[in-house]
Amino acid sequence: MTERTGAGKPLDEYVEAAVQRLLTENADVAEQGITVVRREHTLLLCGEVASPQRRDEILRLVTEHFPDVTLSADLGVTRAPEPSEVEELP
């Protein structure tokens, strides 16, 4: 779990929605699988991402756009091995 501290002001549903919109609509991230949950003074990001670099990019982006928000992240890295054989399609 990662935590980045902002000003610690109470959050409203508009900040929560703005972060969700940023994650979905930003061309560099375009991440729809992240859940944003508001917990009084903290925003919690939950979900799975493809790599540690992607997780870092998501945290950097949210922190850059919302510097006054205390952010906590529970973003796991999906472990998907490469296919071991070629898939034959009919």
PDB file of N, CA and C in Angstrom:
ATOM      1  N   MET A   1       0.851  -1.171   0.000  1.00  0.00           N
ATOM      2  CA  MET A   1       0.000   0.000   0.000  1.00  0.00           C
ATOM      3  C   MET A   1       0.894   1.230   0.000  1.00  0.00           C
ATOM      4  N   THR A   2       0.597   2.163  -0.881  1.00  0.00           N
ATOM      5  CA  THR A   2       1.357   3.398  -1.020  1.00  0.00           C
ATOM      6  C   THR A   2       0.515   4.549  -0.506  1.00  0.00           C
ATOM      7  N   GLU A   3       1.152   5.512   0.156  1.00  0.00           N
ATOM      8  CA  GLU A   3       0.412   6.680   0.623  1.00  0.00           C
ATOM      9  C   GLU A   3       1.217   7.938   0.338  1.00  0.00           C
ATOM     10  N   ARG A   4       0.535   8.932  -0.202  1.00  0.00           N
ATOM     11  CA  ARG A   4       1.146  10.246  -0.452  1.00  0.00           C
ATOM     12  C   ARG A   4       0.265  11.266   0.233  1.00  0.00           C
ATOM     13  N   THR A   5       0.868  12.148   0.982  1.00  0.00           N
ATOM     14  CA  THR A   5       0.121  13.076   1.814  1.00  0.00           C
ATOM     15  C   THR A   5      -0.043  14.430   1.141  1.00  0.00           C
ATOM     16  N   GLY A   6      -1.279  14.923   1.170  1.00  0.00           N
ATOM     17  CA  GLY A   6      -1.597  16.258   0.687  1.00  0.00           C
ATOM     18  C   GLY A   6      -1.972  17.123   1.876  1.00  0.00           C
ATOM     19  N   ALA A   7      -2.866  18.072   1.665  1.00  0.00           N
ATOM     20  CA  ALA A   7      -3.258  19.005   2.718  1.00  0.00           C
ATOM     21  C   ALA A   7      -4.200  18.376   3.739  1.00  0.00           C
ATOM     22  N   GLY A   8      -4.805  17.232   3.403  1.00  0.00           N
ATOM     23  CA  GLY A   8      -5.668  16.552   4.359  1.00  0.00           C
ATOM     24  C   GLY A   8      -7.018  17.213   4.552  1.00  0.00           C
ATOM     25  N   LYS A   9      -7.490  17.968   3.543  1.00  0.00           N
ATOM     26  CA  LYS A   9      -8.798  18.593   3.628  1.00  0.00           C
ATOM     27  C   LYS A   9      -9.882  17.548   3.378  1.00  0.00           C
ATOM     28  N   PRO A  10     -11.087  17.741   3.951  1.00  0.00           N
ATOM     29  CA  PRO A  10     -12.183  16.812   3.655  1.00  0.00           C
ATOM     30  C   PRO A  10     -12.469  16.806   2.151  1.00  0.00           C
ATOM     31  N   LEU A  11     -12.750  15.642   1.612  1.00  0.00           N
ATOM     32  CA  LEU A  11     -12.994  15.501   0.189  1.00  0.00           C
ATOM     33  C   LEU A  11     -14.484  15.375  -0.078  1.00  0.00           C
ATOM     34  N   ASP A  12     -14.897  15.789  -1.257  1.00  0.00           N
ATOM     35  CA  ASP A  12     -16.291  15.610  -1.636  1.00  0.00           C
ATOM     36  C   ASP A  12     -16.366  14.709  -2.864  1.00  0.00           C
ATOM     37  N   GLU A  13     -17.594  14.416  -3.280  1.00  0.00           N
ATOM     38  CA  GLU A  13     -17.780  13.503  -4.407  1.00  0.00           C
ATOM     39  C   GLU A  13     -17.259  14.074  -5.720  1.00  0.00           C
ATOM     40  N   TYR A  14     -17.085  15.400  -5.804  1.00  0.00           N
ATOM     41  CA  TYR A  14     -16.574  16.002  -7.033  1.00  0.00           C
ATOM     42  C   TYR A  14     -15.104  15.674  -7.243  1.00  0.00           C
ATOM     43  N   VAL A  15     -14.334  15.662  -6.186  1.00  0.00           N
ATOM     44  CA  VAL A  15     -12.915  15.293  -6.292  1.00  0.00           C
ATOM     45  C   VAL A  15     -12.804  13.826  -6.675  1.00  0.00           C
ATOM     46  N   GLU A  16     -13.592  12.994  -6.049  1.00  0.00           N
ATOM     47  CA  GLU A  16     -13.602  11.567  -6.360  1.00  0.00           C
ATOM     48  C   GLU A  16     -13.921  11.341  -7.843  1.00  0.00           C
ATOM     49  N   ALA A  17     -14.941  12.014  -8.353  1.00  0.00           N
ATOM     50  CA  ALA A  17     -15.337  11.877  -9.754  1.00  0.00           C
ATOM     51  C   ALA A  17     -14.283  12.446 -10.690  1.00  0.00           C
ATOM     52  N   ALA A  18     -13.639  13.545 -10.300  1.00  0.00           N
ATOM     53  CA  ALA A  18     -12.615  14.158 -11.140  1.00  0.00           C
ATOM     54  C   ALA A  18     -11.398  13.242 -11.280  1.00  0.00           C
ATOM     55  N   VAL A  19     -11.021  12.567 -10.209  1.00  0.00           N
ATOM     56  CA  VAL A  19      -9.898  11.623 -10.276  1.00  0.00           C
ATOM     57  C   VAL A  19     -10.267  10.438 -11.154  1.00  0.00           C
ATOM     58  N   GLN A  20     -11.473   9.915 -10.999  1.00  0.00           N
ATOM     59  CA  GLN A  20     -11.919   8.796 -11.840  1.00  0.00           C
ATOM     60  C   GLN A  20     -11.926   9.201 -13.312  1.00  0.00           C
ATOM     61  N   ARG A  21     -12.400  10.403 -13.602  1.00  0.00           N
ATOM     62  CA  ARG A  21     -12.421  10.907 -14.970  1.00  0.00           C
ATOM     63  C   ARG A  21     -11.010  11.072 -15.514  1.00  0.00           C
ATOM     64  N   LEU A  22     -10.094  11.585 -14.704  1.00  0.00           N
ATOM     65  CA  LEU A  22      -8.703  11.749 -15.116  1.00  0.00           C
ATOM     66  C   LEU A  22      -8.098  10.405 -15.505  1.00  0.00           C
ATOM     67  N   LEU A  23      -8.309   9.383 -14.679  1.00  0.00           N
ATOM     68  CA  LEU A  23      -7.745   8.063 -14.956  1.00  0.00           C
ATOM     69  C   LEU A  23      -8.337   7.452 -16.224  1.00  0.00           C
ATOM     70  N   THR A  24      -9.594   7.720 -16.482  1.00  0.00           N
ATOM     71  CA  THR A  24     -10.273   7.146 -17.639  1.00  0.00           C
ATOM     72  C   THR A  24      -9.962   7.898 -18.927  1.00  0.00           C
ATOM     73  N   GLU A  25      -9.937   9.239 -18.871  1.00  0.00           N
ATOM     74  CA  GLU A  25      -9.845  10.042 -20.084  1.00  0.00           C
ATOM     75  C   GLU A  25      -8.438  10.465 -20.466  1.00  0.00           C
ATOM     76  N   ASN A  26      -7.474  10.359 -19.568  1.00  0.00           N
ATOM     77  CA  ASN A  26      -6.105  10.746 -19.894  1.00  0.00           C
ATOM     78  C   ASN A  26      -5.538   9.747 -20.906  1.00  0.00           C
ATOM     79  N   ALA A  27      -5.034  10.262 -22.036  1.00  0.00           N
ATOM     80  CA  ALA A  27      -4.547   9.396 -23.122  1.00  0.00           C
ATOM     81  C   ALA A  27      -3.352   8.539 -22.709  1.00  0.00           C
ATOM     82  N   ASP A  28      -2.530   9.015 -21.785  1.00  0.00           N
ATOM     83  CA  ASP A  28      -1.352   8.255 -21.363  1.00  0.00           C
ATOM     84  C   ASP A  28      -1.706   7.100 -20.418  1.00  0.00           C
ATOM     85  N   VAL A  29      -2.833   7.208 -19.735  1.00  0.00           N
ATOM     86  CA  VAL A  29      -3.212   6.192 -18.751  1.00  0.00           C
ATOM     87  C   VAL A  29      -4.415   5.375 -19.235  1.00  0.00           C
ATOM     88  N   ALA A  30      -5.519   6.038 -19.561  1.00  0.00           N
ATOM     89  CA  ALA A  30      -6.752   5.393 -20.037  1.00  0.00           C
ATOM     90  C   ALA A  30      -7.076   4.141 -19.225  1.00  0.00           C
ATOM     91  N   GLU A  31      -7.138   4.294 -17.919  1.00  0.00           N
ATOM     92  CA  GLU A  31      -7.318   3.170 -16.996  1.00  0.00           C
ATOM     93  C   GLU A  31      -8.737   3.154 -16.445  1.00  0.00           C
ATOM     94  N   GLN A  32      -9.523   2.152 -16.829  1.00  0.00           N
ATOM     95  CA  GLN A  32     -10.902   2.040 -16.360  1.00  0.00           C
ATOM     96  C   GLN A  32     -11.049   1.052 -15.213  1.00  0.00           C
ATOM     97  N   GLY A  33     -10.007   0.297 -14.919  1.00  0.00           N
ATOM     98  CA  GLY A  33     -10.092  -0.738 -13.900  1.00  0.00           C
ATOM     99  C   GLY A  33      -9.691  -0.306 -12.505  1.00  0.00           C
ATOM    100  N   ILE A  34      -9.492   0.984 -12.292  1.00  0.00           N
ATOM    101  CA  ILE A  34      -9.114   1.497 -10.975  1.00  0.00           C
ATOM    102  C   ILE A  34     -10.352   2.049 -10.287  1.00  0.00           C
ATOM    103  N   THR A  35     -10.591   1.616  -9.066  1.00  0.00           N
ATOM    104  CA  THR A  35     -11.701   2.116  -8.262  1.00  0.00           C
ATOM    105  C   THR A  35     -11.188   3.241  -7.374  1.00  0.00           C
ATOM    106  N   VAL A  36     -11.914   4.352  -7.351  1.00  0.00           N
ATOM    107  CA  VAL A  36     -11.556   5.503  -6.514  1.00  0.00           C
ATOM    108  C   VAL A  36     -12.581   5.588  -5.392  1.00  0.00           C
ATOM    109  N   VAL A  37     -12.106   5.518  -4.138  1.00  0.00           N
ATOM    110  CA  VAL A  37     -12.989   5.536  -2.977  1.00  0.00           C
ATOM    111  C   VAL A  37     -12.575   6.690  -2.065  1.00  0.00           C
ATOM    112  N   ARG A  38     -13.556   7.470  -1.639  1.00  0.00           N
ATOM    113  CA  ARG A  38     -13.314   8.617  -0.758  1.00  0.00           C
ATOM    114  C   ARG A  38     -13.458   8.177   0.687  1.00  0.00           C
ATOM    115  N   ARG A  39     -12.443   8.474   1.512  1.00  0.00           N
ATOM    116  CA  ARG A  39     -12.450   8.153   2.947  1.00  0.00           C
ATOM    117  C   ARG A  39     -12.095   9.417   3.725  1.00  0.00           C
ATOM    118  N   GLU A  40     -13.081  10.251   4.016  1.00  0.00           N
ATOM    119  CA  GLU A  40     -12.924  11.523   4.725  1.00  0.00           C
ATOM    120  C   GLU A  40     -11.816  12.380   4.121  1.00  0.00           C
ATOM    121  N   HIS A  41     -10.567  12.245   4.605  1.00  0.00           N
ATOM    122  CA  HIS A  41      -9.471  13.097   4.148  1.00  0.00           C
ATOM    123  C   HIS A  41      -8.553  12.400   3.154  1.00  0.00           C
ATOM    124  N   THR A  42      -8.905  11.200   2.713  1.00  0.00           N
ATOM    125  CA  THR A  42      -8.017  10.411   1.860  1.00  0.00           C
ATOM    126  C   THR A  42      -8.784   9.823   0.681  1.00  0.00           C
ATOM    127  N   LEU A  43      -8.127   9.777  -0.478  1.00  0.00           N
ATOM    128  CA  LEU A  43      -8.663   9.057  -1.622  1.00  0.00           C
ATOM    129  C   LEU A  43      -7.907   7.747  -1.735  1.00  0.00           C
ATOM    130  N   LEU A  44      -8.630   6.662  -1.857  1.00  0.00           N
ATOM    131  CA  LEU A  44      -8.038   5.343  -1.975  1.00  0.00           C
ATOM    132  C   LEU A  44      -8.215   4.853  -3.406  1.00  0.00           C
ATOM    133  N   LEU A  45      -7.099   4.489  -4.048  1.00  0.00           N
ATOM    134  CA  LEU A  45      -7.131   3.914  -5.390  1.00  0.00           C
ATOM    135  C   LEU A  45      -6.925   2.412  -5.249  1.00  0.00           C
ATOM    136  N   CYS A  46      -7.849   1.616  -5.783  1.00  0.00           N
ATOM    137  CA  CYS A  46      -7.772   0.157  -5.692  1.00  0.00           C
ATOM    138  C   CYS A  46      -7.875  -0.455  -7.080  1.00  0.00           C
ATOM    139  N   GLY A  47      -7.139  -1.538  -7.286  1.00  0.00           N
ATOM    140  CA  GLY A  47      -7.246  -2.252  -8.552  1.00  0.00           C
ATOM    141  C   GLY A  47      -5.969  -2.960  -8.917  1.00  0.00           C
ATOM    142  N   GLU A  48      -5.923  -3.419 -10.156  1.00  0.00           N
ATOM    143  CA  GLU A  48      -4.775  -4.128 -10.692  1.00  0.00           C
ATOM    144  C   GLU A  48      -4.251  -3.384 -11.914  1.00  0.00           C
ATOM    145  N   VAL A  49      -2.943  -3.319 -12.045  1.00  0.00           N
ATOM    146  CA  VAL A  49      -2.301  -2.697 -13.204  1.00  0.00           C
ATOM    147  C   VAL A  49      -1.314  -3.678 -13.810  1.00  0.00           C
ATOM    148  N   ALA A  50      -0.845  -3.369 -15.012  1.00  0.00           N
ATOM    149  CA  ALA A  50      -0.001  -4.299 -15.756  1.00  0.00           C
ATOM    150  C   ALA A  50       1.450  -4.331 -15.297  1.00  0.00           C
ATOM    151  N   SER A  51       1.936  -3.238 -14.689  1.00  0.00           N
ATOM    152  CA  SER A  51       3.349  -3.200 -14.308  1.00  0.00           C
ATOM    153  C   SER A  51       3.576  -2.195 -13.182  1.00  0.00           C
ATOM    154  N   PRO A  52       4.714  -2.323 -12.493  1.00  0.00           N
ATOM    155  CA  PRO A  52       5.049  -1.323 -11.465  1.00  0.00           C
ATOM    156  C   PRO A  52       5.216   0.079 -12.063  1.00  0.00           C
ATOM    157  N   GLN A  53       5.701   0.160 -13.289  1.00  0.00           N
ATOM    158  CA  GLN A  53       5.870   1.460 -13.948  1.00  0.00           C
ATOM    159  C   GLN A  53       4.507   2.119 -14.188  1.00  0.00           C
ATOM    160  N   ARG A  54       3.530   1.316 -14.563  1.00  0.00           N
ATOM    161  CA  ARG A  54       2.181   1.848 -14.789  1.00  0.00           C
ATOM    162  C   ARG A  54       1.586   2.347 -13.478  1.00  0.00           C
ATOM    163  N   ARG A  55       1.793   1.610 -12.402  1.00  0.00           N
ATOM    164  CA  ARG A  55       1.321   2.036 -11.083  1.00  0.00           C
ATOM    165  C   ARG A  55       1.953   3.372 -10.703  1.00  0.00           C
ATOM    166  N   ASP A  56       3.265   3.502 -10.917  1.00  0.00           N
ATOM    167  CA  ASP A  56       3.962   4.751 -10.604  1.00  0.00           C
ATOM    168  C   ASP A  56       3.445   5.906 -11.455  1.00  0.00           C
ATOM    169  N   GLU A  57       3.155   5.645 -12.727  1.00  0.00           N
ATOM    170  CA  GLU A  57       2.639   6.681 -13.619  1.00  0.00           C
ATOM    171  C   GLU A  57       1.256   7.148 -13.171  1.00  0.00           C
ATOM    172  N   ILE A  58       0.409   6.220 -12.740  1.00  0.00           N
ATOM    173  CA  ILE A  58      -0.926   6.577 -12.252  1.00  0.00           C
ATOM    174  C   ILE A  58      -0.819   7.445 -10.999  1.00  0.00           C
ATOM    175  N   LEU A  59       0.031   7.056 -10.070  1.00  0.00           N
ATOM    176  CA  LEU A  59       0.209   7.838  -8.841  1.00  0.00           C
ATOM    177  C   LEU A  59       0.790   9.215  -9.136  1.00  0.00           C
ATOM    178  N   ARG A  60       1.749   9.278 -10.055  1.00  0.00           N
ATOM    179  CA  ARG A  60       2.344  10.566 -10.437  1.00  0.00           C
ATOM    180  C   ARG A  60       1.292  11.483 -11.056  1.00  0.00           C
ATOM    181  N   LEU A  61       0.480  10.935 -11.949  1.00  0.00           N
ATOM    182  CA  LEU A  61      -0.540  11.716 -12.633  1.00  0.00           C
ATOM    183  C   LEU A  61      -1.568  12.287 -11.652  1.00  0.00           C
ATOM    184  N   VAL A  62      -2.070  11.445 -10.750  1.00  0.00           N
ATOM    185  CA  VAL A  62      -3.075  11.908  -9.782  1.00  0.00           C
ATOM    186  C   VAL A  62      -2.457  12.938  -8.831  1.00  0.00           C
ATOM    187  N   THR A  63      -1.239  12.681  -8.371  1.00  0.00           N
ATOM    188  CA  THR A  63      -0.569  13.617  -7.466  1.00  0.00           C
ATOM    189  C   THR A  63      -0.306  14.955  -8.148  1.00  0.00           C
ATOM    190  N   GLU A  64       0.054  14.905  -9.419  1.00  0.00           N
ATOM    191  CA  GLU A  64       0.331  16.130 -10.187  1.00  0.00           C
ATOM    192  C   GLU A  64      -0.929  16.974 -10.354  1.00  0.00           C
ATOM    193  N   HIS A  65      -2.057  16.331 -10.638  1.00  0.00           N
ATOM    194  CA  HIS A  65      -3.304  17.062 -10.869  1.00  0.00           C
ATOM    195  C   HIS A  65      -4.044  17.429  -9.586  1.00  0.00           C
ATOM    196  N   PHE A  66      -3.789  16.687  -8.505  1.00  0.00           N
ATOM    197  CA  PHE A  66      -4.477  16.932  -7.233  1.00  0.00           C
ATOM    198  C   PHE A  66      -3.450  16.958  -6.096  1.00  0.00           C
ATOM    199  N   PRO A  67      -2.590  17.970  -6.065  1.00  0.00           N
ATOM    200  CA  PRO A  67      -1.503  17.994  -5.071  1.00  0.00           C
ATOM    201  C   PRO A  67      -1.978  18.143  -3.626  1.00  0.00           C
ATOM    202  N   ASP A  68      -3.186  18.658  -3.414  1.00  0.00           N
ATOM    203  CA  ASP A  68      -3.686  18.869  -2.051  1.00  0.00           C
ATOM    204  C   ASP A  68      -4.446  17.666  -1.490  1.00  0.00           C
ATOM    205  N   VAL A  69      -4.537  16.595  -2.263  1.00  0.00           N
ATOM    206  CA  VAL A  69      -5.294  15.415  -1.846  1.00  0.00           C
ATOM    207  C   VAL A  69      -4.347  14.372  -1.257  1.00  0.00           C
ATOM    208  N   THR A  70      -4.713  13.860  -0.078  1.00  0.00           N
ATOM    209  CA  THR A  70      -3.967  12.750   0.499  1.00  0.00           C
ATOM    210  C   THR A  70      -4.399  11.489  -0.227  1.00  0.00           C
ATOM    211  N   LEU A  71      -3.425  10.780  -0.764  1.00  0.00           N
ATOM    212  CA  LEU A  71      -3.689   9.644  -1.632  1.00  0.00           C
ATOM    213  C   LEU A  71      -3.156   8.366  -1.011  1.00  0.00           C
ATOM    214  N   SER A  72      -3.980   7.330  -1.025  1.00  0.00           N
ATOM    215  CA  SER A  72      -3.554   6.015  -0.592  1.00  0.00           C
ATOM    216  C   SER A  72      -3.856   5.059  -1.743  1.00  0.00           C
ATOM    217  N   ALA A  73      -2.907   4.164  -2.060  1.00  0.00           N
ATOM    218  CA  ALA A  73      -3.087   3.298  -3.223  1.00  0.00           C
ATOM    219  C   ALA A  73      -2.870   1.839  -2.861  1.00  0.00           C
ATOM    220  N   ASP A  74      -3.816   1.030  -3.262  1.00  0.00           N
ATOM    221  CA  ASP A  74      -3.710  -0.414  -3.141  1.00  0.00           C
ATOM    222  C   ASP A  74      -3.814  -0.966  -4.563  1.00  0.00           C
ATOM    223  N   LEU A  75      -2.745  -0.743  -5.333  1.00  0.00           N
ATOM    224  CA  LEU A  75      -2.703  -1.139  -6.738  1.00  0.00           C
ATOM    225  C   LEU A  75      -1.760  -2.320  -6.896  1.00  0.00           C
ATOM    226  N   GLY A  76      -2.329  -3.474  -7.149  1.00  0.00           N
ATOM    227  CA  GLY A  76      -1.526  -4.664  -7.358  1.00  0.00           C
ATOM    228  C   GLY A  76      -1.055  -4.767  -8.797  1.00  0.00           C
ATOM    229  N   VAL A  77      -0.022  -5.564  -9.017  1.00  0.00           N
ATOM    230  CA  VAL A  77       0.505  -5.791 -10.359  1.00  0.00           C
ATOM    231  C   VAL A  77       0.044  -7.170 -10.809  1.00  0.00           C
ATOM    232  N   THR A  78      -0.650  -7.205 -11.941  1.00  0.00           N
ATOM    233  CA  THR A  78      -1.142  -8.462 -12.499  1.00  0.00           C
ATOM    234  C   THR A  78       0.020  -9.293 -12.999  1.00  0.00           C
ATOM    235  N   ARG A  79       0.043 -10.525 -12.612  1.00  0.00           N
ATOM    236  CA  ARG A  79       1.097 -11.438 -13.048  1.00  0.00           C
ATOM    237  C   ARG A  79       0.517 -12.330 -14.140  1.00  0.00           C
ATOM    238  N   ALA A  80       0.777 -11.964 -15.383  1.00  0.00           N
ATOM    239  CA  ALA A  80       0.279 -12.733 -16.519  1.00  0.00           C
ATOM    240  C   ALA A  80       1.467 -13.200 -17.352  1.00  0.00           C
ATOM    241  N   PRO A  81       1.786 -14.490 -17.282  1.00  0.00           N
ATOM    242  CA  PRO A  81       2.920 -14.982 -18.056  1.00  0.00           C
ATOM    243  C   PRO A  81       2.615 -14.979 -19.556  1.00  0.00           C
ATOM    244  N   GLU A  82       3.671 -14.931 -20.358  1.00  0.00           N
ATOM    245  CA  GLU A  82       3.497 -14.997 -21.801  1.00  0.00           C
ATOM    246  C   GLU A  82       2.939 -16.366 -22.173  1.00  0.00           C
ATOM    247  N   PRO A  83       2.162 -16.440 -23.259  1.00  0.00           N
ATOM    248  CA  PRO A  83       1.632 -17.739 -23.682  1.00  0.00           C
ATOM    249  C   PRO A  83       2.763 -18.709 -24.017  1.00  0.00           C
ATOM    250  N   SER A  84       2.565 -19.969 -23.676  1.00  0.00           N
ATOM    251  CA  SER A  84       3.602 -20.966 -23.942  1.00  0.00           C
ATOM    252  C   SER A  84       3.433 -21.623 -25.299  1.00  0.00           C
ATOM    253  N   GLU A  85       2.251 -21.454 -25.915  1.00  0.00           N
ATOM    254  CA  GLU A  85       2.036 -22.041 -27.241  1.00  0.00           C
ATOM    255  C   GLU A  85       1.180 -21.115 -28.083  1.00  0.00           C
ATOM    256  N   VAL A  86       1.205 -21.339 -29.377  1.00  0.00           N
ATOM    257  CA  VAL A  86       0.438 -20.506 -30.310  1.00  0.00           C
ATOM    258  C   VAL A  86      -1.017 -20.944 -30.288  1.00  0.00           C
ATOM    259  N   GLU A  87      -1.919 -19.981 -30.224  1.00  0.00           N
ATOM    260  CA  GLU A  87      -3.342 -20.291 -30.266  1.00  0.00           C
ATOM    261  C   GLU A  87      -3.790 -20.382 -31.717  1.00  0.00           C
ATOM    262  N   GLU A  88      -4.361 -21.495 -32.076  1.00  0.00           N
ATOM    263  CA  GLU A  88      -4.870 -21.711 -33.435  1.00  0.00           C
ATOM    264  C   GLU A  88      -6.345 -21.326 -33.467  1.00  0.00           C
ATOM    265  N   LEU A  89      -6.687 -20.412 -34.368  1.00  0.00           N
ATOM    266  CA  LEU A  89      -8.076 -20.000 -34.528  1.00  0.00           C
ATOM    267  C   LEU A  89      -8.665 -20.694 -35.743  1.00  0.00           C
ATOM    268  N   PRO A  90      -9.933 -21.130 -35.678  1.00  0.00           N
ATOM    269  CA  PRO A  90     -10.552 -21.822 -36.815  1.00  0.00           C
ATOM    270  C   PRO A  90     -10.842 -20.885 -37.973  1.00  0.00           C
TER     271      PRO A  90
END
